Amino acid sequence: MRIEGYIPHKVFKITVFKSGSRYLIKFENSDFEIVSKLRDGAVSSFKEVRSLVDHEMVTAIEKQFEDLYSLRKEAFARLKTTTDENWEEII
């Protein structure tokens, strides 16, 4: 797999990879990564991949990152509750 190119964005780092005839689009922020794998033959060039990453797709990816943040926050809240319940009682 090699890096085919980057798609500029003000919030995310968007990297396009190529592996054989398949493309992958990786969206990264400071805490998470989302990767979209494109089937063989779905696109044939980096230019076509760039056209896929339009405003609607980026907006949907932003929502996915927000959901991931919420999931992580809820998981840590559950962990804290579980951890607090395991303390021995001190008399």
C-alpha atoms as a PDB file:
ATOM      1  CA  MET A   1       0.000   0.000   0.000  1.00  0.00           C
ATOM      2  CA  ARG A   2       1.275   3.450  -0.829  1.00  0.00           C
ATOM      3  CA  ILE A   3       0.125   7.013  -0.304  1.00  0.00           C
ATOM      4  CA  GLU A   4      -1.525   8.266  -3.466  1.00  0.00           C
ATOM      5  CA  GLY A   5      -2.082  11.791  -2.170  1.00  0.00           C
ATOM      6  CA  TYR A   6      -3.690  14.114   0.323  1.00  0.00           C
ATOM      7  CA  ILE A   7      -6.952  16.030   0.169  1.00  0.00           C
ATOM      8  CA  PRO A   8      -6.701  19.391   1.922  1.00  0.00           C
ATOM      9  CA  HIS A   9      -9.163  20.095   4.709  1.00  0.00           C
ATOM     10  CA  LYS A  10      -9.136  22.628   7.544  1.00  0.00           C
ATOM     11  CA  VAL A  11     -10.103  20.129  10.277  1.00  0.00           C
ATOM     12  CA  PHE A  12      -9.131  16.649   9.122  1.00  0.00           C
ATOM     13  CA  LYS A  13      -6.064  15.103   7.628  1.00  0.00           C
ATOM     14  CA  ILE A  14      -7.362  13.203   4.615  1.00  0.00           C
ATOM     15  CA  THR A  15      -4.979  10.667   3.093  1.00  0.00           C
ATOM     16  CA  VAL A  16      -5.687   8.562   0.028  1.00  0.00           C
ATOM     17  CA  PHE A  17      -3.920   5.207  -0.199  1.00  0.00           C
ATOM     18  CA  LYS A  18      -3.699   2.795  -3.104  1.00  0.00           C
ATOM     19  CA  SER A  19      -3.227  -0.934  -2.750  1.00  0.00           C
ATOM     20  CA  GLY A  20      -3.208  -2.725  -6.079  1.00  0.00           C
ATOM     21  CA  SER A  21      -6.322  -1.419  -7.781  1.00  0.00           C
ATOM     22  CA  ARG A  22      -8.112  -0.517  -4.520  1.00  0.00           C
ATOM     23  CA  TYR A  23      -8.249   2.898  -2.899  1.00  0.00           C
ATOM     24  CA  LEU A  24      -8.641   3.745   0.774  1.00  0.00           C
ATOM     25  CA  ILE A  25      -9.562   7.155   2.171  1.00  0.00           C
ATOM     26  CA  LYS A  26      -8.405   7.840   5.734  1.00  0.00           C
ATOM     27  CA  PHE A  27      -9.883  10.730   7.698  1.00  0.00           C
ATOM     28  CA  GLU A  28      -7.943  11.652  10.849  1.00  0.00           C
ATOM     29  CA  ASN A  29      -8.422  14.106  13.660  1.00  0.00           C
ATOM     30  CA  SER A  30      -6.455  14.363  16.866  1.00  0.00           C
ATOM     31  CA  ASP A  31      -8.129  11.331  18.495  1.00  0.00           C
ATOM     32  CA  PHE A  32      -9.717   9.085  15.882  1.00  0.00           C
ATOM     33  CA  GLU A  33      -9.348   7.695  12.368  1.00  0.00           C
ATOM     34  CA  ILE A  34     -12.068   6.634   9.967  1.00  0.00           C
ATOM     35  CA  VAL A  35     -11.113   4.635   6.879  1.00  0.00           C
ATOM     36  CA  SER A  36     -13.297   4.112   3.844  1.00  0.00           C
ATOM     37  CA  LYS A  37     -12.263   1.219   1.613  1.00  0.00           C
ATOM     38  CA  LEU A  38     -13.345   1.446  -2.008  1.00  0.00           C
ATOM     39  CA  ARG A  39     -13.971  -1.730  -3.976  1.00  0.00           C
ATOM     40  CA  ASP A  40     -11.809  -2.748  -6.901  1.00  0.00           C
ATOM     41  CA  GLY A  41     -12.868  -0.738  -9.904  1.00  0.00           C
ATOM     42  CA  ALA A  42     -15.103   1.663  -7.960  1.00  0.00           C
ATOM     43  CA  VAL A  43     -12.769   4.490  -8.940  1.00  0.00           C
ATOM     44  CA  SER A  44      -9.815   4.517 -11.265  1.00  0.00           C
ATOM     45  CA  SER A  45      -7.833   7.583 -10.222  1.00  0.00           C
ATOM     46  CA  PHE A  46      -6.927   9.906  -7.379  1.00  0.00           C
ATOM     47  CA  LYS A  47      -8.960  12.592  -9.162  1.00  0.00           C
ATOM     48  CA  GLU A  48     -12.086  10.429  -8.891  1.00  0.00           C
ATOM     49  CA  VAL A  49     -11.414   9.804  -5.196  1.00  0.00           C
ATOM     50  CA  ARG A  50     -11.124  13.568  -4.650  1.00  0.00           C
ATOM     51  CA  SER A  51     -14.513  14.051  -6.290  1.00  0.00           C
ATOM     52  CA  LEU A  52     -16.048  11.547  -3.851  1.00  0.00           C
ATOM     53  CA  VAL A  53     -14.855  13.558  -0.861  1.00  0.00           C
ATOM     54  CA  ASP A  54     -17.389  16.330  -1.268  1.00  0.00           C
ATOM     55  CA  HIS A  55     -19.136  18.544   1.286  1.00  0.00           C
ATOM     56  CA  GLU A  56     -21.827  15.949   2.008  1.00  0.00           C
ATOM     57  CA  MET A  57     -19.293  13.196   2.682  1.00  0.00           C
ATOM     58  CA  VAL A  58     -17.176  15.393   4.953  1.00  0.00           C
ATOM     59  CA  THR A  59     -20.282  16.493   6.871  1.00  0.00           C
ATOM     60  CA  ALA A  60     -21.224  12.831   7.405  1.00  0.00           C
ATOM     61  CA  ILE A  61     -17.677  12.027   8.568  1.00  0.00           C
ATOM     62  CA  GLU A  62     -17.819  14.951  11.033  1.00  0.00           C
ATOM     63  CA  LYS A  63     -21.002  13.419  12.486  1.00  0.00           C
ATOM     64  CA  GLN A  64     -19.256  10.047  12.808  1.00  0.00           C
ATOM     65  CA  PHE A  65     -16.386  11.656  14.733  1.00  0.00           C
ATOM     66  CA  GLU A  66     -18.897  13.373  17.041  1.00  0.00           C
ATOM     67  CA  ASP A  67     -20.560  10.000  17.654  1.00  0.00           C
ATOM     68  CA  LEU A  68     -17.173   8.423  18.438  1.00  0.00           C
ATOM     69  CA  TYR A  69     -16.421  11.177  20.965  1.00  0.00           C
ATOM     70  CA  SER A  70     -19.797  10.555  22.632  1.00  0.00           C
ATOM     71  CA  LEU A  71     -19.247   6.796  22.730  1.00  0.00           C
ATOM     72  CA  ARG A  72     -15.841   7.222  24.319  1.00  0.00           C
ATOM     73  CA  LYS A  73     -17.162   9.717  26.871  1.00  0.00           C
ATOM     74  CA  GLU A  74     -19.973   7.323  27.833  1.00  0.00           C
ATOM     75  CA  ALA A  75     -17.540   4.401  28.086  1.00  0.00           C
ATOM     76  CA  PHE A  76     -15.268   6.356  30.421  1.00  0.00           C
ATOM     77  CA  ALA A  77     -18.294   7.350  32.524  1.00  0.00           C
ATOM     78  CA  ARG A  78     -19.253   3.671  32.862  1.00  0.00           C
ATOM     79  CA  LEU A  79     -15.673   2.775  33.749  1.00  0.00           C
ATOM     80  CA  LYS A  80     -15.563   5.467  36.430  1.00  0.00           C
ATOM     81  CA  THR A  81     -18.848   4.244  37.918  1.00  0.00           C
ATOM     82  CA  THR A  82     -17.619   0.646  37.942  1.00  0.00           C
ATOM     83  CA  THR A  83     -14.282   1.648  39.457  1.00  0.00           C
ATOM     84  CA  ASP A  84     -15.925   3.769  42.175  1.00  0.00           C
ATOM     85  CA  GLU A  85     -18.164   0.867  43.200  1.00  0.00           C
ATOM     86  CA  ASN A  86     -15.185  -1.434  43.811  1.00  0.00           C
ATOM     87  CA  TRP A  87     -13.638   0.577  46.648  1.00  0.00           C
ATOM     88  CA  GLU A  88     -13.436  -1.130  50.020  1.00  0.00           C
ATOM     89  CA  GLU A  89     -15.381   0.457  52.801  1.00  0.00           C
ATOM     90  CA  ILE A  90     -13.126   2.263  55.281  1.00  0.00           C
ATOM     91  CA  ILE A  91     -14.350   2.431  58.846  1.00  0.00           C
END
